[in-house]
Amino acid sequence: MDTSEDILQQASPGLIPGSGTARAAKPTRLSPSFISWLQAGPMMLVFLAFFLIPLVFVVIVSFWDYNEYQLLPAFSGRGYTDTFEGCIAQLPDLCTIGKTYLMTLKLCFLVWAITLFIGFWVAYFLAFHIKSKTWQMGLSLLCTIPFWTSNVIRMIAWIPLLGRNGLVNSGLVKTGLINQPLEWLLFSEFSVVLALVHLFTFFMVVPIFNSMVRIDKSLIEAAYDAGATGFQTLVNVVIPLAKPGIVIGSIFVITIVMGDFITIGVMGGQQIAAAGKIIETRVNALQFPAAAANAVILLAITFLIITMMSRIVDIKKEL
């Protein structure tokens, strides 16, 4: 006579321990790497669709031919040759395109240096002189208030201040410091750099502050206990530990300024040439291969600068 155990084994052989029959199949578990790919997949698709594919199209179009009224999908380097036309003949003098890129690099360097100086000390004040975390976050958010309005409004707001009859010139004339209005305050390199610094300093403050706020304060105290001065502590402790934020902020500022043409055009009175302005002019003239060629050149220069800066610190490792 079959026992209850025999009957149970015949019904569900995998439930009896020690039986020679097959066990019930365990549910399959996805590997952690596969789950990571699933999580990163949507962002990778967005990056592919809105960055890599358009970038590939720009490079392809830069090697197309063109005439006054249409694109010719045939391989040609005319976009690049037209860009540097006459440059070799004018050596050792710089051609127009060379002067334009040199001016872009000059403006980029000035804006980067000023935003780095201001951003570093603002971040230093927030990280080391404001003890309350609440006040730190509150004051850092205070820096975002200018972003509640558009860049165009914040940029144009300088014109009534810096104009010939603006507030600055009027004040200087009335106080007797100058006899006539200063012409270089507006529609000059000064006004362009001032506007760019005003617009993009925040992009330098936040990354540096994020790096400084994570510095262990005991390291600062140990440096002072060892007899280091404030300057030595700054140079040997704070700056090395804040390098990731400095590099990230520099990348933000450089990439934005290198491609900017609206601010340079408005604040420079359409008198200062820039690489971004060349691209705009080519597009308006329907010379898309030449515009794409200039975009590729600008991208290559920007990428070279970023690569050189990335060698200062391994951002991936630090983050």
Protein backbone atom coordinates (compact mmCIF):
# COMPACT_ATOMS: atom_id res chain seq x y z
CA MET A 1 0.00 0.00 0.00
CA ASP A 2 1.43 3.40 -1.04
CA THR A 3 2.33 5.70 1.77
CA SER A 4 1.43 9.39 1.75
CA GLU A 5 5.07 10.16 0.95
CA ASP A 6 5.00 7.95 -2.16
CA ILE A 7 1.80 9.60 -3.35
CA LEU A 8 3.32 13.07 -2.81
CA GLN A 9 6.48 12.06 -4.67
CA GLN A 10 4.48 10.84 -7.64
CA ALA A 11 2.55 14.12 -7.75
CA SER A 12 5.51 16.48 -7.22
CA PRO A 13 8.83 14.63 -7.46
CA GLY A 14 10.91 17.80 -7.04
CA LEU A 15 9.49 18.52 -3.57
CA ILE A 16 10.96 15.47 -1.78
CA PRO A 17 14.46 16.12 -0.42
CA GLY A 18 17.04 13.57 -1.40
CA SER A 19 14.97 12.10 -4.22
CA GLY A 20 16.82 11.42 -7.45
CA THR A 21 14.29 13.27 -9.49
CA ALA A 22 14.84 16.76 -10.96
CA ARG A 23 14.35 19.78 -8.74
CA ALA A 24 11.92 22.58 -9.49
CA ALA A 25 13.54 25.16 -11.82
CA LYS A 26 14.76 28.31 -10.09
CA PRO A 27 13.71 31.69 -11.54
CA THR A 28 16.38 33.16 -13.78
CA ARG A 29 18.11 36.25 -12.39
CA LEU A 30 19.46 39.02 -14.61
CA SER A 31 23.13 39.74 -14.27
CA PRO A 32 24.12 43.08 -12.68
CA SER A 33 25.93 44.14 -15.84
CA PHE A 34 22.81 43.54 -17.94
CA ILE A 35 20.72 45.57 -15.48
CA SER A 36 23.29 48.39 -15.69
CA TRP A 37 23.02 48.40 -19.47
CA LEU A 38 19.22 48.54 -19.22
CA GLN A 39 19.46 51.52 -16.88
CA ALA A 40 21.93 53.37 -19.09
CA GLY A 41 20.16 52.39 -22.32
CA PRO A 42 17.63 55.26 -22.54
CA MET A 43 20.26 57.94 -21.95
CA MET A 44 22.59 56.26 -24.45
CA LEU A 45 19.82 56.35 -27.06
CA VAL A 46 19.21 60.04 -26.38
CA PHE A 47 22.96 60.73 -26.62
CA LEU A 48 23.14 58.77 -29.86
CA ALA A 49 20.09 60.40 -31.46
CA PHE A 50 20.73 64.01 -30.44
CA PHE A 51 24.55 64.21 -30.36
CA LEU A 52 26.48 61.49 -32.18
CA ILE A 53 24.26 61.12 -35.25
CA PRO A 54 23.94 64.91 -35.84
CA LEU A 55 27.70 65.24 -35.32
CA VAL A 56 28.34 62.55 -37.94
CA PHE A 57 26.02 64.38 -40.35
CA VAL A 58 27.92 67.65 -39.77
CA VAL A 59 31.23 65.94 -40.58
CA ILE A 60 29.75 64.34 -43.70
CA VAL A 61 28.22 67.60 -44.97
CA SER A 62 31.53 69.41 -44.41
CA PHE A 63 32.96 67.29 -47.24
CA TRP A 64 30.14 68.01 -49.69
CA ASP A 65 30.38 70.39 -52.60
CA TYR A 66 28.10 73.40 -53.01
CA ASN A 67 27.35 76.37 -55.19
CA GLU A 68 25.41 79.60 -54.74
CA TYR A 69 22.00 77.97 -54.35
CA GLN A 70 22.27 74.25 -53.58
CA LEU A 71 24.20 71.45 -51.93
CA LEU A 72 25.97 68.94 -54.12
CA PRO A 73 26.31 65.56 -52.34
CA ALA A 74 29.68 64.79 -53.86
CA PHE A 75 32.94 64.42 -51.96
CA SER A 76 34.82 67.70 -51.89
CA GLY A 77 37.10 69.59 -49.57
CA ARG A 78 35.89 72.95 -50.84
CA GLY A 79 34.37 73.86 -47.49
CA TYR A 80 37.84 73.69 -45.90
CA THR A 81 39.76 75.23 -48.80
CA ASP A 82 37.37 78.19 -48.98
CA THR A 83 37.74 78.68 -45.23
CA PHE A 84 41.54 78.98 -45.43
CA GLU A 85 41.69 80.62 -48.85
CA GLY A 86 44.67 82.94 -49.17
CA CYS A 87 46.14 82.03 -45.78
CA ILE A 88 49.30 80.49 -47.20
CA ALA A 89 49.91 83.42 -49.54
CA GLN A 90 49.67 85.90 -46.66
CA LEU A 91 52.25 84.16 -44.48
CA PRO A 92 53.88 85.18 -42.17
CA ASP A 93 50.89 87.48 -41.60
CA LEU A 94 47.67 85.93 -40.39
CA CYS A 95 44.76 85.71 -42.78
CA THR A 96 41.24 86.78 -41.81
CA ILE A 97 40.17 83.35 -40.61
CA GLY A 98 43.37 83.01 -38.58
CA LYS A 99 42.78 86.37 -36.90
CA THR A 100 39.19 85.38 -36.20
CA TYR A 101 40.14 82.15 -34.46
CA LEU A 102 42.92 83.94 -32.60
CA MET A 103 40.39 86.53 -31.36
CA THR A 104 38.07 83.70 -30.28
CA LEU A 105 40.88 82.07 -28.32
CA LYS A 106 41.83 85.42 -26.78
CA LEU A 107 38.26 86.09 -25.59
CA CYS A 108 37.98 82.52 -24.36
CA PHE A 109 41.19 82.79 -22.34
CA LEU A 110 40.22 86.13 -20.78
CA VAL A 111 36.75 84.92 -19.81
CA TRP A 112 38.14 81.64 -18.47
CA ALA A 113 40.79 83.37 -16.35
CA ILE A 114 38.36 85.91 -14.87
CA THR A 115 35.57 83.39 -14.21
CA LEU A 116 38.11 81.03 -12.62
CA PHE A 117 39.37 83.76 -10.30
CA ILE A 118 35.89 84.91 -9.27
CA GLY A 119 34.42 81.42 -9.15
CA PHE A 120 37.25 80.03 -7.03
CA TRP A 121 36.98 82.68 -4.33
CA VAL A 122 33.19 82.60 -4.24
CA ALA A 123 33.30 78.82 -3.86
CA TYR A 124 36.06 79.12 -1.23
CA PHE A 125 33.96 81.56 0.79
CA LEU A 126 30.90 79.32 0.62
CA ALA A 127 32.80 76.14 1.48
CA PHE A 128 35.09 77.33 4.29
CA HIS A 129 33.64 80.53 5.74
CA ILE A 130 29.97 79.58 5.82
CA LYS A 131 29.67 76.92 8.51
CA SER A 132 25.94 76.16 8.23
CA LYS A 133 25.00 73.69 5.51
CA THR A 134 21.65 75.43 5.16
CA TRP A 135 23.33 78.79 4.52
CA GLN A 136 25.76 77.16 2.10
CA MET A 137 22.95 75.71 0.03
CA GLY A 138 20.91 78.90 0.31
CA LEU A 139 23.73 81.17 -0.86
CA SER A 140 24.70 78.80 -3.67
CA LEU A 141 21.07 78.80 -4.85
CA LEU A 142 21.16 82.60 -4.62
CA CYS A 143 23.73 82.52 -7.41
CA THR A 144 21.07 80.99 -9.68
CA ILE A 145 18.74 84.01 -9.45
CA PRO A 146 20.16 85.65 -12.60
CA PHE A 147 19.19 82.50 -14.50
CA TRP A 148 15.54 83.24 -13.81
CA THR A 149 15.75 85.60 -16.78
CA SER A 150 17.08 84.83 -20.23
CA ASN A 151 20.68 85.36 -21.27
CA VAL A 152 19.59 87.95 -23.82
CA ILE A 153 17.91 90.15 -21.20
CA ARG A 154 20.88 89.93 -18.83
CA MET A 155 23.24 90.75 -21.67
CA ILE A 156 21.27 93.70 -23.02
CA ALA A 157 20.94 95.10 -19.50
CA TRP A 158 24.58 96.20 -19.74
CA ILE A 159 23.92 98.54 -22.68
CA PRO A 160 22.17 101.32 -20.66
CA LEU A 161 24.96 101.11 -18.10
CA LEU A 162 27.95 101.17 -20.44
CA GLY A 163 26.67 103.36 -23.26
CA ARG A 164 28.06 106.78 -24.11
CA ASN A 165 25.27 108.41 -22.14
CA GLY A 166 24.90 105.48 -19.78
CA LEU A 167 24.99 105.40 -16.01
CA VAL A 168 28.74 104.65 -15.74
CA ASN A 169 29.89 107.38 -18.12
CA SER A 170 27.48 109.92 -16.66
CA GLY A 171 28.69 109.18 -13.14
CA LEU A 172 32.36 109.44 -14.11
CA VAL A 173 31.82 112.74 -15.94
CA LYS A 174 29.83 114.26 -13.07
CA THR A 175 32.47 113.31 -10.52
CA GLY A 176 35.16 114.90 -12.68
CA LEU A 177 37.18 111.71 -13.10
CA ILE A 178 36.92 111.99 -16.89
CA ASN A 179 36.26 114.92 -19.22
CA GLN A 180 34.37 113.00 -21.91
CA PRO A 181 32.59 109.65 -22.07
CA LEU A 182 34.70 106.54 -22.47
CA GLU A 183 34.03 105.01 -25.89
CA TRP A 184 35.54 101.62 -25.10
CA LEU A 185 33.04 100.70 -22.40
CA LEU A 186 30.50 99.47 -24.94
CA PHE A 187 30.79 97.68 -28.29
CA SER A 188 34.35 96.63 -27.54
CA GLU A 189 36.32 93.64 -26.30
CA PHE A 190 35.84 94.96 -22.77
CA SER A 191 32.04 94.84 -23.00
CA VAL A 192 32.13 91.39 -24.61
CA VAL A 193 34.35 89.94 -21.87
CA LEU A 194 32.28 91.65 -19.16
CA ALA A 195 29.02 90.23 -20.50
CA LEU A 196 30.47 86.72 -20.93
CA VAL A 197 31.90 86.75 -17.40
CA HIS A 198 28.55 87.90 -16.05
CA LEU A 199 26.72 85.16 -17.94
CA PHE A 200 28.98 82.19 -17.24
CA THR A 201 30.70 82.66 -13.88
CA PHE A 202 28.04 80.49 -12.25
CA PHE A 203 29.21 77.53 -14.35
CA MET A 204 32.58 77.87 -12.65
CA VAL A 205 31.29 78.41 -9.10
CA VAL A 206 29.16 75.28 -8.79
CA PRO A 207 31.73 72.58 -9.75
CA ILE A 208 34.48 74.18 -7.63
CA PHE A 209 32.13 74.55 -4.66
CA ASN A 210 31.07 70.91 -5.06
CA SER A 211 34.73 69.82 -4.87
CA MET A 212 35.63 72.12 -1.98
CA VAL A 213 32.65 71.17 0.17
CA ARG A 214 33.82 67.55 0.10
CA ILE A 215 37.31 68.39 1.40
CA ASP A 216 37.84 66.93 4.86
CA LYS A 217 38.18 69.90 7.20
CA SER A 218 40.58 67.90 9.37
CA LEU A 219 43.14 68.20 6.56
CA ILE A 220 42.97 71.98 6.84
CA GLU A 221 43.39 71.79 10.60
CA ALA A 222 46.30 69.36 10.24
CA ALA A 223 48.04 71.75 7.86
CA TYR A 224 47.70 74.62 10.31
CA ASP A 225 48.87 72.40 13.19
CA ALA A 226 51.95 71.52 11.14
CA GLY A 227 52.81 75.19 10.91
CA ALA A 228 51.58 75.90 7.39
CA THR A 229 50.47 79.43 6.58
CA GLY A 230 47.13 80.17 5.00
CA PHE A 231 48.74 80.56 1.59
CA GLN A 232 50.64 77.27 1.92
CA THR A 233 47.45 75.49 2.96
CA LEU A 234 45.65 76.96 -0.02
CA VAL A 235 48.33 75.95 -2.51
CA ASN A 236 49.21 72.51 -1.11
CA VAL A 237 45.85 71.30 0.22
CA VAL A 238 42.83 73.19 -1.11
CA ILE A 239 43.79 73.72 -4.75
CA PRO A 240 44.98 70.11 -5.39
CA LEU A 241 41.78 68.71 -3.87
CA ALA A 242 39.64 71.20 -5.80
CA LYS A 243 41.24 70.37 -9.18
CA PRO A 244 38.33 68.21 -10.41
CA GLY A 245 35.90 71.09 -9.88
CA ILE A 246 38.30 73.55 -11.50
CA VAL A 247 38.69 71.37 -14.58
CA ILE A 248 34.97 70.66 -14.91
CA GLY A 249 34.09 74.34 -14.51
CA SER A 250 36.77 75.27 -17.05
CA ILE A 251 35.35 72.79 -19.55
CA PHE A 252 31.88 74.29 -19.12
CA VAL A 253 33.08 77.86 -19.64
CA ILE A 254 35.44 77.10 -22.54
CA THR A 255 32.94 75.06 -24.54
CA ILE A 256 30.23 77.71 -24.16
CA VAL A 257 32.44 80.70 -24.95
CA MET A 258 34.13 79.08 -27.95
CA GLY A 259 30.78 78.61 -29.69
CA ASP A 260 29.12 81.85 -28.60
CA PHE A 261 28.26 84.38 -31.28
CA ILE A 262 25.15 86.17 -29.99
CA THR A 263 26.84 87.82 -27.01
CA ILE A 264 29.92 88.71 -29.04
CA GLY A 265 27.77 90.15 -31.82
CA VAL A 266 25.49 92.25 -29.59
CA MET A 267 28.04 93.47 -27.03
CA GLY A 268 30.71 93.92 -29.70
CA GLY A 269 28.43 95.98 -31.93
CA GLN A 270 28.90 93.46 -34.76
CA GLN A 271 32.50 94.71 -34.98
CA ILE A 272 34.27 91.74 -33.36
CA ALA A 273 34.61 88.55 -35.38
CA ALA A 274 34.36 85.15 -33.73
CA ALA A 275 34.37 81.54 -34.88
CA GLY A 276 30.69 81.15 -34.07
CA LYS A 277 29.91 84.26 -36.10
CA ILE A 278 31.61 82.73 -39.15
CA ILE A 279 29.35 79.69 -38.90
CA GLU A 280 26.27 81.91 -38.61
CA THR A 281 27.31 83.95 -41.65
CA ARG A 282 27.89 80.81 -43.72
CA VAL A 283 24.51 79.40 -42.73
CA ASN A 284 22.73 82.65 -43.60
CA ALA A 285 24.43 82.52 -47.01
CA LEU A 286 23.18 78.91 -47.44
CA GLN A 287 26.78 77.68 -47.64
CA PHE A 288 26.14 74.70 -45.39
CA PRO A 289 29.28 72.66 -46.25
CA ALA A 290 31.48 75.66 -45.43
CA ALA A 291 29.53 76.23 -42.21
CA ALA A 292 29.91 72.54 -41.32
CA ALA A 293 33.64 72.70 -42.07
CA ASN A 294 34.05 75.65 -39.70
CA ALA A 295 32.01 73.79 -37.09
CA VAL A 296 34.32 70.78 -37.37
CA ILE A 297 37.40 73.02 -37.06
CA LEU A 298 35.94 74.76 -34.01
CA LEU A 299 34.99 71.43 -32.47
CA ALA A 300 38.50 70.07 -33.05
CA ILE A 301 40.11 73.11 -31.39
CA THR A 302 37.72 72.92 -28.44
CA PHE A 303 38.29 69.18 -28.07
CA LEU A 304 42.06 69.72 -28.12
CA ILE A 305 41.81 72.31 -25.33
CA ILE A 306 39.57 70.05 -23.25
CA THR A 307 41.92 67.10 -23.76
CA MET A 308 44.88 69.15 -22.57
CA MET A 309 42.95 70.27 -19.48
CA SER A 310 41.76 66.73 -18.75
CA ARG A 311 45.37 65.61 -18.48
CA ILE A 312 45.73 67.75 -15.37
CA VAL A 313 43.41 65.46 -13.42
CA ASP A 314 41.62 62.18 -14.09
CA ILE A 315 38.03 63.40 -13.81
CA LYS A 316 36.51 59.92 -13.95
CA LYS A 317 38.72 58.72 -11.12
CA GLU A 318 38.12 61.78 -8.98
CA LEU A 319 34.35 61.66 -9.39
